[in-house]
Each structure stands twice: as C-alpha cells, then as structure tokens.
Amino acid sequence: EVQLVESGGGLVQAGGSLRLSCTASGFTEDRYAIGWFRQAPGKVREGISFIDSFDGSTYYADSVQGRCTISWDNAKNTVYLEMNNLKPEDTAVYYCAAARPPYRLGYALEYDYDYFGQGTQVTVSS
C-alpha cells in the first residue's frame, strides 16, 4: 500500500519561506513522479511542482516558478518543496501526490496522479 505523509505547513507572513516534506512508502516501481498540488477555497486543485524520482527532471507551474524549488532524497524517499517569497495567494491546502508510470510532470491534472497525501495547510498573511 502506497502512503504519502506530509509535513511542514503552517502560518507565515508574506515574503516568508516554508519547506514542505513528503515521505513516500509502499512503491513497487523503481521510478515514479512525485510532487505537489494545492487547492485554495473555491478553486480547483492545481498541480504546482513535480519531480521524476529516476532522473530528477522537474516541473514548475507559472504561479510558483522562480519562488519554489523541488528536490528528491532517494535515500529517504522524501520530496521537499522549498517555497520562498510567499504571497497571500499561495494560501491553500497543499497535497503531496505521486504517479506510477506512465506519468506526466507538466500541466498535470488531479486524475493524472494515483496517490495523494492527507494535505497540509499553508496560510500566508499579508
């Protein structure tokens, strides 16, 4: 059984930083895509950043490009999302997500991913 366990959300002032973590377990494949969606109240779930666990290729949505860095620690099976210069519009529930092959990194929709974590709240105050 695949499990994704997130941590690192919280309340931060605009301009501040947060790092989200997600530890994956239970995969039988030797490669998968893993990353983050977010969902603000009244909005659709948005795929913001993903990484290929095998070759490290990455994707960033325009909304976070230049402000976020995704990384993968193969030894810990953990993906990190470093978020800087946070804005009030970044306020959302952030969900770790993973997909078995074949998968897509860019412009992924919710149904493109097979597994989701429980979500962690990020609130950015102005």
Foldseek 3Di string as FASTA:
>chain_A
DKAKAKDWADEEAAQAKIKMKIAIDDDPDPKKKKDKWWDDPPDFIGQAKIAIPPPGDMDGDPVQPPFWDWDADPVRNMIMIIGGRDDQVVWTWMKMFMADPPADHPPDHPVRTDDIHPTDTHGYHD
